Amino acid sequence: MLKHSDRVRLVDLEMEIMSSHKWGQVVGAMQVPFPVLTHLRLSGRLDVPVLPSGFLGGSAPCLQYLGLNGIPLPELPPFLLSARGLVSLQLKCIPPTGYISPEAMVVGLAGLTRLRTICIEIQFQSPIPPPEQTRRGPDHPMLAVLPALTQFVFAGESKYLEDLLAQIDAPRVEDVRIEYYTQVVQTPQLSRFLGRIANFKLAQFRRAQVIFCGDDACIELDRPQGECRRVHLSVTTLDGGPNFQVPYVIQDAMLSNVGHLSISRTQVEVGQQDDLNGTDWLPLLHLLPTVKTMHVNRAMALYIASAIGGIADEMVAKVLPALQLLCLEDGEDNDYDPYDYSHVNDYDSYFDDFEPVGSTERFLSLRRLSGCPVIIVNTEDKFVERLHARWMCQEKVPWQLPLWSSVI
């Protein structure tokens, strides 16, 4: 079929099910132009050879979708220069043999004015710059404007992302998902990139989630559907562990309208030691002046109860000043949660003698005296019941419900 290159519109091939000889034949057959090809997806394995520079004859004038999974193509940037109509670019599990510098990647992206979604997942580290370049701290000129881009996804090291975003402007992005492979990250350019996005300036994120899963940590911000256009931001650090702090990329302005906060943890290892303590959460809580409802699952209730229980008297009314309803799960009368894996490792035994609601009496008393009373419940059912009552009888604002609520 590939012999009729002038008639092929879609190619979807997986090297995993081919022999190396067969794959070589396929690549050889694709060294000529495919003038009407619109969709191309190639999936390889760890030892897949590098695609040659003459792939597809070096041009793809009608290409709209390009997906490379584990396929090294160092000559991708000049190839992209011919794919002006590209709408979706998915580069996943790029091996070291497929290294493309951020500067070269920007050159390839610069002409993709119709590109709507891009995903870049790299499995290599950026070369260490010479000392003189590090001292000079070069200012990257803005080279690529992607006017149609709505989704940006990246997974890899922060240095590569920083160098890439310093040279990209995407004013219409609505969905940004970042996954760092290390806990220590750099975020200045990501912060500036987000600051240039009109949708994020006007987003007024309504909901925030902080999620710990094994050694990974994630913070998500979004605005529910029904309030203009949905906007979403997530930042994940792999192998970050429970000492994860909100990345510096999360600006105060992005948190200034959050109405609901959810904090959860799953997949806790037996005997795992945590460096986290209650005071570590105070910087985050200080950034959330408009949170009215907050849900904390059982595995994290200890930390949050400790944090609010240890707030100084004069600061009690200033931390989460708008908070009205707080759920600190202690497991009593709580239905089985299919997303909570802590029971697999007998982690519940750690909390057998812990009652988060009872440990916050001082906080509750001081809030009442300050005129900002808070209701604390200890089960998800009670939390949802009160949310529904508030939604039906009072303000009827959807953002007050948690991200997992069926009402939204």
Protein backbone atom coordinates (compact mmCIF):
# COMPACT_ATOMS: atom_id res chain seq x y z
CA MET A 1 0.00 0.00 0.00
CA LEU A 2 2.84 2.42 0.81
CA LYS A 3 4.05 2.04 -2.75
CA HIS A 4 1.14 4.23 -3.85
CA SER A 5 2.39 7.23 -1.89
CA ASP A 6 0.34 9.67 -3.93
CA ARG A 7 -2.89 8.05 -2.65
CA VAL A 8 -2.12 7.38 1.04
CA ARG A 9 -3.94 9.67 3.50
CA LEU A 10 -3.43 7.86 6.82
CA VAL A 11 -0.52 5.83 8.22
CA ASP A 12 -0.72 4.20 11.67
CA LEU A 13 2.09 1.73 12.39
CA GLU A 14 3.52 0.09 15.51
CA MET A 15 7.06 -1.23 15.43
CA GLU A 16 6.36 -3.44 18.46
CA ILE A 17 4.55 -5.92 16.22
CA MET A 18 7.15 -5.80 13.42
CA SER A 19 10.55 -7.32 12.97
CA SER A 20 13.50 -4.97 12.53
CA HIS A 21 13.75 -6.08 8.90
CA LYS A 22 10.10 -5.29 8.24
CA TRP A 23 10.41 -1.92 9.94
CA GLY A 24 13.41 -1.12 7.76
CA GLN A 25 11.34 -1.90 4.69
CA VAL A 26 8.56 0.39 5.90
CA VAL A 27 10.95 3.26 6.56
CA GLY A 28 12.57 2.70 3.17
CA ALA A 29 9.18 2.89 1.46
CA MET A 30 8.48 6.21 3.23
CA GLN A 31 11.53 8.01 1.88
CA VAL A 32 9.44 9.53 -0.88
CA PRO A 33 6.85 12.35 -0.70
CA PHE A 34 3.31 11.51 0.43
CA PRO A 35 1.53 14.55 -0.98
CA VAL A 36 -2.00 13.79 0.36
CA LEU A 37 -1.02 12.30 3.75
CA THR A 38 -3.04 13.95 6.55
CA HIS A 39 -2.51 11.63 9.56
CA LEU A 40 0.73 9.91 10.58
CA ARG A 41 1.29 7.94 13.78
CA LEU A 42 4.37 5.80 14.39
CA SER A 43 5.05 3.91 17.61
CA GLY A 44 8.41 2.29 18.30
CA ARG A 45 10.43 0.62 21.02
CA LEU A 46 13.62 1.37 22.93
CA ASP A 47 16.04 0.24 20.21
CA VAL A 48 14.25 1.77 17.24
CA PRO A 49 16.73 3.28 14.76
CA VAL A 50 16.74 6.97 13.92
CA LEU A 51 14.47 7.99 11.07
CA PRO A 52 16.62 9.33 8.20
CA SER A 53 16.56 12.95 7.08
CA GLY A 54 14.79 12.08 3.83
CA PHE A 55 11.72 10.73 5.61
CA LEU A 56 8.57 11.47 3.57
CA GLY A 57 10.82 13.16 1.05
CA GLY A 58 11.44 15.88 3.61
CA SER A 59 7.98 17.43 3.31
CA ALA A 60 4.34 16.83 4.27
CA PRO A 61 2.22 19.65 2.83
CA CYS A 62 -1.18 18.17 3.84
CA LEU A 63 -0.24 16.69 7.21
CA GLN A 64 -2.68 17.59 10.02
CA TYR A 65 -1.76 15.05 12.73
CA LEU A 66 1.74 13.82 13.57
CA GLY A 67 2.33 11.36 16.40
CA LEU A 68 5.72 9.84 17.16
CA ASN A 69 5.93 7.54 20.17
CA GLY A 70 9.47 6.42 20.95
CA ILE A 71 10.54 7.27 17.40
CA PRO A 72 13.75 9.37 17.10
CA LEU A 73 13.61 11.98 14.35
CA PRO A 74 16.37 14.56 14.92
CA GLU A 75 15.49 16.19 11.60
CA LEU A 76 11.97 17.00 12.80
CA PRO A 77 12.35 20.84 12.82
CA PRO A 78 13.06 21.22 9.07
CA PHE A 79 10.37 18.62 8.39
CA LEU A 80 7.82 20.72 10.32
CA LEU A 81 8.61 23.71 8.15
CA SER A 82 6.78 21.96 5.31
CA ALA A 83 3.77 20.91 7.45
CA ARG A 84 2.10 24.31 7.65
CA GLY A 85 -1.36 22.80 8.12
CA LEU A 86 -0.44 20.70 11.18
CA VAL A 87 -3.17 20.78 13.86
CA SER A 88 -1.88 18.25 16.41
CA LEU A 89 1.75 17.36 17.24
CA GLN A 90 2.31 14.46 19.66
CA LEU A 91 5.96 13.66 20.47
CA LYS A 92 6.04 11.04 23.21
CA CYS A 93 8.90 9.13 24.83
CA ILE A 94 11.52 10.86 22.71
CA PRO A 95 14.74 8.84 23.25
CA PRO A 96 18.21 10.40 23.57
CA THR A 97 18.94 9.48 19.94
CA GLY A 98 16.12 11.81 18.94
CA TYR A 99 17.46 14.84 20.82
CA ILE A 100 16.27 18.16 19.43
CA SER A 101 17.51 21.33 21.06
CA PRO A 102 14.88 23.80 22.31
CA GLU A 103 16.15 26.37 19.80
CA ALA A 104 15.75 23.93 16.90
CA MET A 105 12.32 22.88 18.14
CA VAL A 106 11.19 26.51 18.16
CA VAL A 107 12.37 26.97 14.58
CA GLY A 108 10.21 24.02 13.55
CA LEU A 109 7.19 25.28 15.46
CA ALA A 110 7.43 28.86 14.26
CA GLY A 111 5.41 28.31 11.08
CA LEU A 112 2.64 26.16 12.59
CA THR A 113 -0.03 28.84 12.83
CA ARG A 114 -2.87 26.26 12.80
CA LEU A 115 -1.43 24.06 15.57
CA ARG A 116 -4.01 23.48 18.33
CA THR A 117 -2.46 20.78 20.54
CA ILE A 118 1.14 19.89 21.29
CA CYS A 119 2.59 17.20 23.55
CA ILE A 120 6.33 16.85 24.14
CA GLU A 121 7.62 14.02 26.34
CA ILE A 122 11.39 13.74 26.46
CA GLN A 123 13.61 11.02 27.90
CA PHE A 124 16.90 12.89 27.70
CA GLN A 125 18.67 15.64 29.58
CA SER A 126 19.72 18.93 28.06
CA PRO A 127 23.47 19.37 27.57
CA ILE A 128 25.23 21.39 30.27
CA PRO A 129 26.01 24.86 28.85
CA PRO A 130 29.57 26.22 29.05
CA PRO A 131 30.35 28.37 32.12
CA GLU A 132 30.50 31.61 30.12
CA GLN A 133 26.95 31.05 28.78
CA THR A 134 25.69 30.27 32.28
CA ARG A 135 27.16 33.52 33.61
CA ARG A 136 25.84 35.53 30.69
CA GLY A 137 22.25 34.33 31.17
CA PRO A 138 21.17 34.93 27.54
CA ASP A 139 17.83 36.55 26.91
CA HIS A 140 15.90 34.41 24.43
CA PRO A 141 14.11 36.42 21.73
CA MET A 142 10.48 35.57 21.10
CA LEU A 143 10.62 33.55 17.89
CA ALA A 144 7.46 31.43 17.67
CA VAL A 145 3.89 32.66 18.04
CA LEU A 146 1.31 29.86 18.01
CA PRO A 147 -1.98 31.76 17.64
CA ALA A 148 -4.28 28.70 17.46
CA LEU A 149 -2.72 26.61 20.24
CA THR A 150 -5.21 25.63 22.98
CA GLN A 151 -3.45 22.73 24.74
CA PHE A 152 0.20 22.47 25.80
CA VAL A 153 1.50 19.27 27.42
CA PHE A 154 5.09 18.67 28.48
CA ALA A 155 6.91 15.94 30.40
CA GLY A 156 10.64 16.06 31.08
CA GLU A 157 13.27 18.16 32.79
CA SER A 158 12.59 21.75 33.72
CA LYS A 159 15.68 23.17 31.99
CA TYR A 160 14.50 22.02 28.59
CA LEU A 161 11.02 23.41 29.21
CA GLU A 162 12.41 26.73 30.41
CA ASP A 163 14.54 27.14 27.29
CA LEU A 164 11.60 26.18 25.08
CA LEU A 165 8.99 28.45 26.65
CA ALA A 166 11.36 31.41 26.64
CA GLN A 167 10.95 31.42 22.86
CA ILE A 168 7.23 30.64 22.51
CA ASP A 169 4.09 32.71 22.79
CA ALA A 170 0.67 31.02 22.77
CA PRO A 171 -1.96 33.61 23.70
CA ARG A 172 -5.03 31.34 23.36
CA VAL A 173 -3.94 28.33 25.44
CA GLU A 174 -6.66 26.97 27.73
CA ASP A 175 -5.10 23.74 29.01
CA VAL A 176 -1.53 23.46 30.34
CA ARG A 177 -0.21 20.19 31.79
CA ILE A 178 3.37 20.00 33.03
CA GLU A 179 5.11 16.93 34.45
CA TYR A 180 8.60 17.26 35.86
CA TYR A 181 10.79 14.18 36.22
CA THR A 182 12.66 15.62 39.21
CA GLN A 183 11.58 17.43 42.35
CA VAL A 184 14.02 20.33 41.92
CA VAL A 185 12.62 22.48 39.14
CA GLN A 186 13.10 25.88 37.56
CA THR A 187 9.96 27.81 36.73
CA PRO A 188 10.68 31.49 35.83
CA GLN A 189 10.02 31.05 32.10
CA LEU A 190 6.95 28.89 32.70
CA SER A 191 5.60 31.59 34.98
CA ARG A 192 6.18 34.24 32.32
CA PHE A 193 4.64 32.02 29.65
CA LEU A 194 1.48 31.63 31.72
CA GLY A 195 1.44 35.35 32.41
CA ARG A 196 1.25 36.05 28.67
CA ILE A 197 -1.86 33.88 28.23
CA ALA A 198 -5.05 35.93 28.19
CA ASN A 199 -7.25 33.01 29.27
CA PHE A 200 -5.18 32.48 32.41
CA LYS A 201 -5.28 36.14 33.34
CA LEU A 202 -9.07 36.04 33.15
CA ALA A 203 -9.48 32.46 34.36
CA GLN A 204 -10.34 33.11 37.98
CA PHE A 205 -9.74 29.46 38.84
CA ARG A 206 -12.53 28.19 41.05
CA ARG A 207 -11.13 24.84 42.20
CA ALA A 208 -7.75 23.51 43.30
CA GLN A 209 -6.57 19.97 43.97
CA VAL A 210 -3.36 18.84 45.62
CA ILE A 211 -2.78 15.13 45.04
CA PHE A 212 -0.07 12.82 46.34
CA CYS A 213 0.24 9.41 44.68
CA GLY A 214 3.17 7.29 45.79
CA ASP A 215 6.22 9.50 45.29
CA ASP A 216 4.46 11.82 42.82
CA ALA A 217 2.76 15.09 43.65
CA CYS A 218 0.40 17.22 41.60
CA ILE A 219 -1.49 20.46 41.91
CA GLU A 220 -4.40 21.14 39.57
CA LEU A 221 -6.37 24.34 39.03
CA ASP A 222 -9.47 24.60 36.90
CA ARG A 223 -12.71 26.41 36.28
CA PRO A 224 -15.89 24.31 36.00
CA GLN A 225 -17.74 23.95 32.74
CA GLY A 226 -20.63 26.35 32.43
CA GLU A 227 -18.56 29.36 33.48
CA CYS A 228 -17.51 30.63 30.07
CA ARG A 229 -14.75 28.37 28.73
CA ARG A 230 -13.05 25.71 30.84
CA VAL A 231 -9.46 26.50 31.76
CA HIS A 232 -7.08 23.97 33.32
CA LEU A 233 -3.56 24.00 34.74
CA SER A 234 -1.72 21.08 36.32
CA VAL A 235 1.87 20.80 37.54
CA THR A 236 3.24 17.40 38.60
CA THR A 237 6.59 16.43 40.10
CA LEU A 238 7.62 12.79 39.87
CA ASP A 239 9.50 11.27 42.81
CA GLY A 240 8.70 14.42 44.76
CA GLY A 241 7.34 12.58 47.77
CA PRO A 242 5.17 14.09 50.50
CA ASN A 243 7.49 17.06 51.03
CA PHE A 244 6.15 18.58 47.80
CA GLN A 245 5.45 22.30 47.93
CA VAL A 246 3.33 24.24 45.46
CA PRO A 247 5.69 25.17 42.60
CA TYR A 248 6.59 28.82 42.30
CA VAL A 249 4.76 28.81 38.96
CA ILE A 250 1.46 28.97 40.86
CA GLN A 251 1.08 32.72 41.13
CA ASP A 252 -0.94 34.43 43.82
CA ALA A 253 -3.32 35.86 41.22
CA MET A 254 -4.19 32.36 39.98
CA LEU A 255 -5.30 31.34 43.47
CA SER A 256 -7.11 34.53 44.38
CA ASN A 257 -10.57 33.25 43.40
CA VAL A 258 -10.34 29.55 44.32
CA GLY A 259 -13.51 28.56 46.16
CA HIS A 260 -12.90 24.84 46.74
CA LEU A 261 -9.70 23.07 47.77
CA SER A 262 -9.21 19.30 47.78
CA ILE A 263 -6.16 17.55 49.29
CA SER A 264 -5.72 13.80 48.92
CA ARG A 265 -3.14 11.05 49.06
CA THR A 266 -3.07 7.47 47.74
CA GLN A 267 -0.67 4.54 47.46
CA VAL A 268 1.25 5.01 50.71
CA GLU A 269 4.02 2.50 51.32
CA VAL A 270 4.19 0.56 54.58
CA GLY A 271 6.63 2.20 56.98
CA GLN A 272 7.15 5.20 54.72
CA GLN A 273 8.65 8.11 56.64
CA ASP A 274 7.42 11.60 55.86
CA ASP A 275 9.38 14.84 56.08
CA LEU A 276 6.14 16.78 55.92
CA ASN A 277 4.62 18.40 58.98
CA GLY A 278 1.69 20.70 59.63
CA THR A 279 3.62 23.95 59.29
CA ASP A 280 4.69 22.99 55.75
CA TRP A 281 1.12 23.58 54.61
CA LEU A 282 0.76 27.11 55.96
CA PRO A 283 2.38 28.85 52.92
CA LEU A 284 -0.21 27.24 50.64
CA LEU A 285 -3.14 28.01 52.94
CA HIS A 286 -2.07 31.66 53.14
CA LEU A 287 -2.46 31.89 49.34
CA LEU A 288 -6.15 30.90 49.42
CA PRO A 289 -8.14 33.84 50.83
CA THR A 290 -11.40 32.92 49.06
CA VAL A 291 -11.66 29.16 49.79
CA LYS A 292 -15.05 28.44 51.34
CA THR A 293 -15.07 24.62 51.20
CA MET A 294 -12.18 22.22 51.72
CA HIS A 295 -12.02 18.42 51.54
CA VAL A 296 -9.10 16.41 52.93
CA ASN A 297 -9.00 12.63 52.66
CA ARG A 298 -8.00 10.46 55.60
CA ALA A 299 -4.38 9.98 54.58
CA MET A 300 -3.78 13.76 54.64
CA ALA A 301 -6.13 14.79 57.48
CA LEU A 302 -3.37 14.47 60.08
CA TYR A 303 -1.20 17.07 58.38
CA ILE A 304 -3.95 19.60 57.74
CA ALA A 305 -5.41 19.25 61.24
CA SER A 306 -1.94 19.80 62.66
CA ALA A 307 -1.47 22.86 60.41
CA ILE A 308 -4.68 24.66 61.37
CA GLY A 309 -4.46 23.52 64.98
CA GLY A 310 -1.04 25.14 65.31
CA ILE A 311 -1.91 28.54 63.85
CA ALA A 312 -1.08 31.38 66.19
CA ASP A 313 -4.07 33.03 67.85
CA GLU A 314 -3.65 36.33 66.05
CA MET A 315 -3.44 34.56 62.65
CA VAL A 316 -6.44 32.23 62.93
CA ALA A 317 -8.81 34.64 61.19
CA LYS A 318 -6.23 35.46 58.48
CA VAL A 319 -5.53 31.91 57.30
CA LEU A 320 -8.35 30.71 55.03
CA PRO A 321 -10.47 33.68 56.16
CA ALA A 322 -13.46 32.71 53.95
CA LEU A 323 -13.53 29.04 55.01
CA GLN A 324 -16.97 27.85 56.07
CA LEU A 325 -16.97 24.06 55.62
CA LEU A 326 -14.05 21.66 56.17
CA CYS A 327 -14.00 17.89 55.84
CA LEU A 328 -11.21 16.04 57.66
CA GLU A 329 -11.93 12.39 57.00
CA ASP A 330 -11.33 10.02 59.92
CA GLY A 331 -12.86 6.96 58.28
CA GLU A 332 -15.96 6.61 60.43
CA ASP A 333 -19.06 5.67 58.43
CA ASN A 334 -17.12 6.37 55.26
CA ASP A 335 -17.92 4.42 52.12
CA TYR A 336 -15.18 2.56 50.28
CA ASP A 337 -13.26 4.85 47.95
CA PRO A 338 -12.02 3.02 44.81
CA TYR A 339 -9.31 5.66 44.32
CA ASP A 340 -7.87 5.32 47.84
CA TYR A 341 -5.22 2.58 47.85
CA SER A 342 -4.06 3.12 51.41
CA HIS A 343 -6.01 0.11 52.67
CA VAL A 344 -3.87 -2.16 50.49
CA ASN A 345 -0.82 -1.35 52.60
CA ASP A 346 -2.58 -1.34 55.99
CA TYR A 347 -1.87 2.36 56.20
CA ASP A 348 -5.11 2.94 58.10
CA SER A 349 -3.53 1.53 61.26
CA TYR A 350 -1.41 4.68 61.44
CA PHE A 351 -4.56 6.72 62.06
CA ASP A 352 -6.36 4.33 64.43
CA ASP A 353 -6.02 6.69 67.40
CA PHE A 354 -6.23 9.92 65.43
CA GLU A 355 -9.38 12.04 65.36
CA PRO A 356 -8.73 15.09 63.15
CA VAL A 357 -12.00 16.81 64.07
CA GLY A 358 -11.26 16.58 67.80
CA SER A 359 -7.75 17.96 67.35
CA THR A 360 -9.02 21.26 65.93
CA GLU A 361 -11.18 22.46 68.83
CA ARG A 362 -8.92 25.44 69.54
CA PHE A 363 -9.12 26.52 65.88
CA LEU A 364 -12.92 26.23 65.87
CA SER A 365 -13.24 28.20 69.10
CA LEU A 366 -11.01 31.04 67.89
CA ARG A 367 -12.84 31.23 64.56
CA ARG A 368 -16.18 31.54 66.35
CA LEU A 369 -14.82 34.34 68.52
CA SER A 370 -13.48 36.14 65.45
CA GLY A 371 -16.88 36.03 63.74
CA CYS A 372 -15.72 33.58 61.04
CA PRO A 373 -17.15 30.24 62.21
CA VAL A 374 -16.18 26.99 60.48
CA ILE A 375 -18.10 23.73 60.36
CA ILE A 376 -15.92 20.60 60.39
CA VAL A 377 -17.25 17.17 59.38
CA ASN A 378 -15.44 13.86 59.37
CA THR A 379 -16.95 11.90 56.46
CA GLU A 380 -17.38 12.47 52.77
CA ASP A 381 -21.10 11.76 52.98
CA LYS A 382 -21.63 14.53 55.53
CA PHE A 383 -19.52 16.89 53.47
CA VAL A 384 -21.46 16.26 50.25
CA GLU A 385 -24.77 16.52 52.12
CA ARG A 386 -23.90 19.99 53.40
CA LEU A 387 -22.60 21.04 50.00
CA HIS A 388 -25.85 20.03 48.34
CA ALA A 389 -27.85 21.90 50.97
CA ARG A 390 -25.75 25.02 50.44
CA TRP A 391 -25.98 24.71 46.66
CA MET A 392 -29.75 24.23 46.69
CA CYS A 393 -30.74 26.74 49.37
CA GLN A 394 -28.14 29.49 49.42
CA GLU A 395 -25.80 30.75 46.75
CA LYS A 396 -26.32 27.98 44.18
CA VAL A 397 -22.74 28.37 42.96
CA PRO A 398 -21.38 25.19 41.28
CA TRP A 399 -17.78 25.89 42.24
CA GLN A 400 -18.62 25.15 45.87
CA LEU A 401 -18.82 21.46 45.04
CA PRO A 402 -15.67 19.36 44.90
CA LEU A 403 -14.07 18.25 41.63
CA TRP A 404 -15.41 14.73 42.05
CA SER A 405 -19.02 15.78 42.71
CA SER A 406 -21.66 14.47 40.31
CA VAL A 407 -23.54 17.75 40.56
CA ILE A 408 -21.02 19.53 38.34
